[in-house]
N, C-alpha and C. Protein backbone atom coordinates (compact mmCIF):
# COMPACT_ATOMS: atom_id res chain seq x y z
N TRP A 1 -113.33 47.68 28.24
CA TRP A 1 -112.01 47.65 27.68
C TRP A 1 -112.25 46.43 26.41
N GLN A 2 -113.09 45.71 26.70
CA GLN A 2 -113.26 44.61 25.60
C GLN A 2 -113.77 45.23 24.45
N ARG A 3 -114.68 46.20 24.33
CA ARG A 3 -115.31 46.85 23.17
C ARG A 3 -114.18 47.64 22.62
N ASN A 4 -113.21 48.44 23.18
CA ASN A 4 -112.40 49.12 22.75
C ASN A 4 -111.20 48.23 22.08
N ASN A 5 -110.86 47.21 22.76
CA ASN A 5 -109.80 46.30 22.27
C ASN A 5 -110.46 45.74 20.85
N LEU A 6 -111.65 45.26 20.80
CA LEU A 6 -112.21 44.77 19.66
C LEU A 6 -112.33 45.70 18.36
N TRP A 7 -112.54 47.04 18.80
CA TRP A 7 -112.70 48.11 17.81
C TRP A 7 -111.37 48.45 17.16
N VAL A 8 -110.26 48.61 17.99
CA VAL A 8 -108.95 48.92 17.59
C VAL A 8 -108.47 47.57 16.54
N LEU A 9 -108.85 46.47 17.04
CA LEU A 9 -108.29 45.23 16.39
C LEU A 9 -109.02 45.21 15.04
N ASN A 10 -110.37 45.40 15.02
CA ASN A 10 -111.04 45.41 13.67
C ASN A 10 -110.61 46.59 12.90
N GLU A 11 -110.40 47.60 13.34
CA GLU A 11 -109.88 48.76 12.57
C GLU A 11 -108.44 48.45 11.83
N ALA A 12 -107.57 47.81 12.56
CA ALA A 12 -106.43 47.59 12.12
C ALA A 12 -106.57 46.48 10.98
N LEU A 13 -107.41 45.60 11.21
CA LEU A 13 -107.43 44.26 10.28
C LEU A 13 -108.28 44.77 9.04
N SER A 14 -109.33 45.80 9.24
CA SER A 14 -110.05 46.12 8.18
C SER A 14 -109.52 47.06 7.07
N THR A 15 -108.25 47.51 7.40
CA THR A 15 -107.58 48.38 6.49
C THR A 15 -107.18 47.76 5.15
N GLY A 16 -107.10 46.27 5.30
CA GLY A 16 -106.43 45.58 4.14
C GLY A 16 -105.00 45.52 4.26
N ALA A 17 -104.47 45.82 5.43
CA ALA A 17 -103.00 45.60 5.52
C ALA A 17 -102.83 44.10 5.64
N ARG A 18 -101.55 43.84 5.03
CA ARG A 18 -101.29 42.41 5.00
C ARG A 18 -100.57 41.94 6.04
N ASN A 19 -100.02 42.66 6.95
CA ASN A 19 -99.33 42.33 8.20
C ASN A 19 -99.80 43.33 9.28
N VAL A 20 -100.42 42.77 10.33
CA VAL A 20 -100.86 43.42 11.57
C VAL A 20 -100.14 42.75 12.80
N THR A 21 -99.41 43.68 13.53
CA THR A 21 -98.73 43.15 14.56
C THR A 21 -99.18 43.77 15.84
N LEU A 22 -99.66 43.13 16.94
CA LEU A 22 -100.03 43.69 18.23
C LEU A 22 -98.76 43.48 19.14
N ILE A 23 -98.49 44.87 19.61
CA ILE A 23 -97.23 44.86 20.61
C ILE A 23 -97.95 45.08 21.94
N ALA A 24 -97.76 44.16 23.09
CA ALA A 24 -98.35 44.14 24.25
C ALA A 24 -97.43 44.24 25.42
N LEU A 25 -97.56 45.15 26.29
CA LEU A 25 -96.86 45.18 27.58
C LEU A 25 -97.71 44.29 28.53
N TRP A 26 -96.98 43.04 29.05
CA TRP A 26 -97.85 42.32 29.81
C TRP A 26 -97.06 41.45 30.73
N ASN A 27 -97.44 41.32 31.80
CA ASN A 27 -96.65 40.53 32.92
C ASN A 27 -97.08 38.99 32.86
N GLY A 28 -97.96 38.47 31.90
CA GLY A 28 -98.15 37.15 31.73
C GLY A 28 -99.28 36.68 32.47
N GLN A 29 -99.81 37.44 33.36
CA GLN A 29 -100.84 36.84 34.36
C GLN A 29 -102.21 37.05 33.58
N ARG A 30 -103.11 36.16 33.87
CA ARG A 30 -104.50 36.23 33.21
C ARG A 30 -105.25 37.08 33.95
N GLY A 31 -106.04 37.82 33.37
CA GLY A 31 -106.97 38.85 33.95
C GLY A 31 -108.02 38.09 34.46
N ASP A 32 -109.01 39.01 34.75
CA ASP A 32 -110.30 38.45 35.49
C ASP A 32 -111.71 38.45 34.38
N GLY A 33 -111.13 38.28 32.98
CA GLY A 33 -112.31 38.34 32.15
C GLY A 33 -111.95 38.97 30.82
N PRO A 34 -112.96 39.02 29.97
CA PRO A 34 -112.64 39.58 28.64
C PRO A 34 -112.36 41.04 28.70
N GLY A 35 -111.45 41.49 27.85
CA GLY A 35 -111.11 42.93 27.62
C GLY A 35 -109.68 43.07 28.24
N GLY A 36 -109.16 42.13 28.96
CA GLY A 36 -107.70 42.21 29.41
C GLY A 36 -106.70 41.97 28.36
N THR A 37 -105.53 42.12 28.87
CA THR A 37 -104.39 41.94 27.90
C THR A 37 -104.38 40.60 27.35
N SER A 38 -104.55 39.47 28.07
CA SER A 38 -104.45 38.20 27.64
C SER A 38 -105.53 38.00 26.75
N ASP A 39 -106.70 38.46 26.85
CA ASP A 39 -107.83 38.32 25.94
C ASP A 39 -107.52 39.05 24.61
N MET A 40 -106.97 40.22 24.56
CA MET A 40 -106.49 40.85 23.38
C MET A 40 -105.45 40.10 22.54
N ILE A 41 -104.54 39.55 23.31
CA ILE A 41 -103.41 38.76 22.75
C ILE A 41 -104.11 37.41 21.89
N THR A 42 -104.92 36.89 22.67
CA THR A 42 -105.77 35.77 22.18
C THR A 42 -106.69 36.12 20.85
N ARG A 43 -107.33 37.04 20.95
CA ARG A 43 -108.12 37.47 19.76
C ARG A 43 -107.27 37.86 18.69
N ALA A 44 -106.14 38.67 18.98
CA ALA A 44 -105.45 39.15 17.75
C ALA A 44 -104.88 37.94 16.99
N GLY A 45 -104.26 36.99 17.87
CA GLY A 45 -103.59 35.69 17.38
C GLY A 45 -104.73 35.01 16.47
N ASP A 46 -106.03 34.78 16.97
CA ASP A 46 -107.12 34.25 16.29
C ASP A 46 -107.50 34.77 15.15
N ARG A 47 -107.06 36.01 14.91
CA ARG A 47 -107.63 36.91 13.55
C ARG A 47 -106.38 36.87 12.65
N GLY A 48 -105.24 36.27 12.96
CA GLY A 48 -104.12 36.33 12.06
C GLY A 48 -103.19 37.32 12.25
N ALA A 49 -103.34 38.14 13.42
CA ALA A 49 -102.05 39.19 13.64
C ALA A 49 -101.10 38.53 14.49
N GLU A 50 -99.88 38.93 14.14
CA GLU A 50 -98.76 38.67 14.84
C GLU A 50 -98.77 39.34 16.18
N THR A 51 -98.26 38.71 17.29
CA THR A 51 -98.19 39.24 18.39
C THR A 51 -96.85 39.25 19.11
N ARG A 52 -96.43 40.32 19.65
CA ARG A 52 -95.17 40.57 20.22
C ARG A 52 -95.42 41.00 21.91
N VAL A 53 -95.08 40.16 22.81
CA VAL A 53 -95.33 40.53 24.10
C VAL A 53 -93.85 40.98 24.73
N LEU A 54 -93.97 42.11 25.47
CA LEU A 54 -92.89 42.63 26.28
C LEU A 54 -93.17 42.31 27.65
N ASP A 55 -92.41 41.51 28.33
CA ASP A 55 -92.72 41.06 29.50
C ASP A 55 -92.39 42.13 30.63
N THR A 56 -93.34 42.68 31.23
CA THR A 56 -93.03 43.85 32.04
C THR A 56 -92.34 43.24 33.32
N THR A 57 -92.38 42.08 33.82
CA THR A 57 -91.85 41.48 34.86
C THR A 57 -90.30 41.63 34.57
N ALA A 58 -89.94 41.10 33.46
CA ALA A 58 -88.50 41.07 33.17
C ALA A 58 -88.02 42.52 32.87
N LEU A 59 -88.89 43.24 32.16
CA LEU A 59 -88.40 44.59 31.82
C LEU A 59 -88.12 45.59 33.09
N PHE A 60 -88.91 45.41 34.00
CA PHE A 60 -88.83 46.26 35.23
C PHE A 60 -88.41 45.51 36.30
N ASN A 61 -87.68 44.44 36.00
CA ASN A 61 -87.13 43.55 37.09
C ASN A 61 -88.05 43.60 38.50
N LEU A 62 -89.20 43.29 38.14
CA LEU A 62 -90.28 43.23 39.32
C LEU A 62 -89.90 41.91 40.07
N ALA A 63 -89.66 40.77 39.58
CA ALA A 63 -89.40 39.63 40.28
C ALA A 63 -88.26 39.68 41.28
N ALA A 64 -87.21 40.33 40.95
CA ALA A 64 -86.14 40.57 41.79
C ALA A 64 -86.52 41.50 43.06
N SER A 65 -87.18 42.52 42.82
CA SER A 65 -87.65 43.57 43.74
C SER A 65 -88.70 42.92 44.66
N GLU A 66 -89.49 42.03 44.20
CA GLU A 66 -90.61 41.43 45.06
C GLU A 66 -89.72 40.49 46.09
N LYS A 67 -88.76 39.89 45.72
CA LYS A 67 -88.05 38.92 46.44
C LYS A 67 -87.32 39.59 47.68
N GLY A 68 -87.07 40.83 47.67
CA GLY A 68 -86.26 41.34 48.64
C GLY A 68 -85.57 42.53 48.36
């Protein structure tokens, strides 16, 4: 996953576009290493891309369904 994430990010940034935005569906939890959503969001931000996170926990009401 890490290699594919970096390739996609590099392709987007290498086009010369003035504005690149990463839109990520994410539950906010850290993964188990490089290549996960958290890693991609961090790398995109470090390279100047804007990031927009759609919180899957809120979108799919996961917190309420887990409580009962």
